[in-house]
Amino acid sequence: MSLREHERRILAEIERKLDEEAPDLADRLDTFAAEDPDAPADPDLGSWKPWAACAVIAAVTAGLLVLLFLLTPGTPQPEPSGESVPGTGESLPADDPAGETVEAPGS
């Protein structure tokens, strides 16, 4: 991330004051300076190996979740609301347990 011109001037002023007021601290801090402050501390972090390890962990996690989903018993289904008619396998409506058909008047 690059700094704006105003921010660079402020930073240069802070560095100049630090050099004047605490030269020992300024010398120590100069030893920590890097050419690219945004560069990772470990150059191997930019390689494919950490990404491959993350992909393996994600695949194993997804596999375990699928396995858990497949092995978990489902919720019990409610029984039908009507009674079954013996021998036919059909069920009767719950509001008409006797199996009588109610016709509308005038039909």
Protein backbone atom coordinates (compact mmCIF):
# COMPACT_ATOMS: atom_id res chain seq x y z
CA MET A 1 0.00 0.00 0.00
CA SER A 2 1.55 3.30 -1.04
CA LEU A 3 1.34 6.45 1.02
CA ARG A 4 -0.02 9.76 -0.20
CA GLU A 5 2.34 12.70 -0.49
CA HIS A 6 0.91 14.35 2.64
CA GLU A 7 1.38 11.14 4.64
CA ARG A 8 4.96 10.80 3.39
CA ARG A 9 5.77 14.31 4.57
CA ILE A 10 4.29 13.62 7.99
CA LEU A 11 6.24 10.37 8.25
CA ALA A 12 9.48 12.10 7.22
CA GLU A 13 8.90 14.77 9.88
CA ILE A 14 8.34 12.09 12.55
CA GLU A 15 11.54 10.32 11.49
CA ARG A 16 13.53 13.56 11.60
CA LYS A 17 12.27 14.39 15.11
CA LEU A 18 13.02 10.86 16.29
CA ASP A 19 16.59 11.13 14.95
CA GLU A 20 17.04 14.38 16.90
CA GLU A 21 15.41 13.33 20.18
CA ALA A 22 16.36 9.67 20.48
CA PRO A 23 19.21 8.72 18.15
CA ASP A 24 19.76 5.34 19.84
CA LEU A 25 16.14 4.33 19.32
CA ALA A 26 16.24 5.59 15.75
CA ASP A 27 19.32 3.45 15.03
CA ARG A 28 17.60 0.38 16.47
CA LEU A 29 14.48 1.00 14.43
CA ASP A 30 16.55 1.41 11.26
CA THR A 31 17.79 -2.15 11.68
CA PHE A 32 14.16 -3.34 11.34
CA ALA A 33 13.58 -1.45 8.09
CA ALA A 34 12.83 -3.61 5.10
CA GLU A 35 12.88 -2.82 1.42
CA ASP A 36 9.22 -3.80 1.04
CA PRO A 37 7.16 -3.46 4.24
CA ASP A 38 4.25 -5.34 2.64
CA ALA A 39 6.39 -8.39 1.87
CA PRO A 40 5.62 -11.45 4.02
CA ALA A 41 8.12 -12.16 6.77
CA ASP A 42 8.39 -15.76 5.58
CA PRO A 43 9.02 -15.95 1.80
CA ASP A 44 7.66 -19.51 1.71
CA LEU A 45 4.15 -18.22 2.52
CA GLY A 46 3.73 -17.21 -1.10
CA SER A 47 4.25 -20.73 -2.40
CA TRP A 48 1.61 -23.34 -3.21
CA LYS A 49 2.29 -25.57 -0.18
CA PRO A 50 0.21 -23.64 2.39
CA TRP A 51 -2.66 -23.45 -0.10
CA ALA A 52 -2.47 -27.19 -0.72
CA ALA A 53 -2.60 -27.85 3.02
CA CYS A 54 -5.68 -25.62 3.33
CA ALA A 55 -7.33 -27.43 0.41
CA VAL A 56 -6.70 -30.83 2.03
CA ILE A 57 -8.12 -29.63 5.35
CA ALA A 58 -11.20 -28.20 3.58
CA ALA A 59 -11.75 -31.44 1.63
CA VAL A 60 -11.49 -33.58 4.77
CA THR A 61 -13.89 -31.28 6.62
CA ALA A 62 -16.40 -31.37 3.76
CA GLY A 63 -16.12 -35.17 3.57
CA LEU A 64 -16.76 -35.54 7.29
CA LEU A 65 -19.79 -33.26 7.05
CA VAL A 66 -21.24 -35.30 4.18
CA LEU A 67 -20.59 -38.53 6.08
CA LEU A 68 -22.24 -37.09 9.18
CA PHE A 69 -25.23 -36.00 7.12
CA LEU A 70 -25.61 -39.44 5.54
CA LEU A 71 -25.26 -41.37 8.80
CA THR A 72 -27.60 -39.19 10.87
CA PRO A 73 -31.06 -40.74 11.09
CA GLY A 74 -33.88 -38.63 9.73
CA THR A 75 -36.68 -37.21 11.81
CA PRO A 76 -39.63 -39.56 12.25
CA GLN A 77 -42.47 -38.87 9.84
CA PRO A 78 -45.94 -38.28 11.31
CA GLU A 79 -48.48 -41.00 10.76
CA PRO A 80 -51.32 -40.33 8.31
CA SER A 81 -54.27 -38.56 9.86
CA GLY A 82 -56.86 -41.06 8.61
CA GLU A 83 -57.39 -44.70 9.51
CA SER A 84 -56.52 -47.28 6.92
CA VAL A 85 -59.23 -49.44 5.43
CA PRO A 86 -58.33 -53.10 6.04
CA GLY A 87 -57.35 -54.98 2.91
CA THR A 88 -57.24 -51.97 0.57
CA GLY A 89 -54.28 -49.95 1.85
CA GLU A 90 -56.34 -46.78 1.43
CA SER A 91 -56.82 -44.32 4.24
CA LEU A 92 -60.01 -42.65 5.25
CA PRO A 93 -60.30 -38.92 5.91
CA ALA A 94 -59.84 -37.99 9.57
CA ASP A 95 -63.17 -36.17 9.82
CA ASP A 96 -65.14 -39.12 8.44
CA PRO A 97 -63.92 -42.16 10.42
CA ALA A 98 -66.89 -44.37 9.50
CA GLY A 99 -66.14 -44.20 5.81
CA GLU A 100 -69.52 -42.73 4.92
CA THR A 101 -69.66 -40.30 2.08
CA VAL A 102 -71.41 -37.10 2.79
CA GLU A 103 -73.09 -35.62 -0.26
CA ALA A 104 -74.09 -32.03 -0.54
CA PRO A 105 -77.84 -31.38 -0.25
CA GLY A 106 -79.63 -31.18 -3.57
CA SER A 107 -77.30 -33.44 -5.48
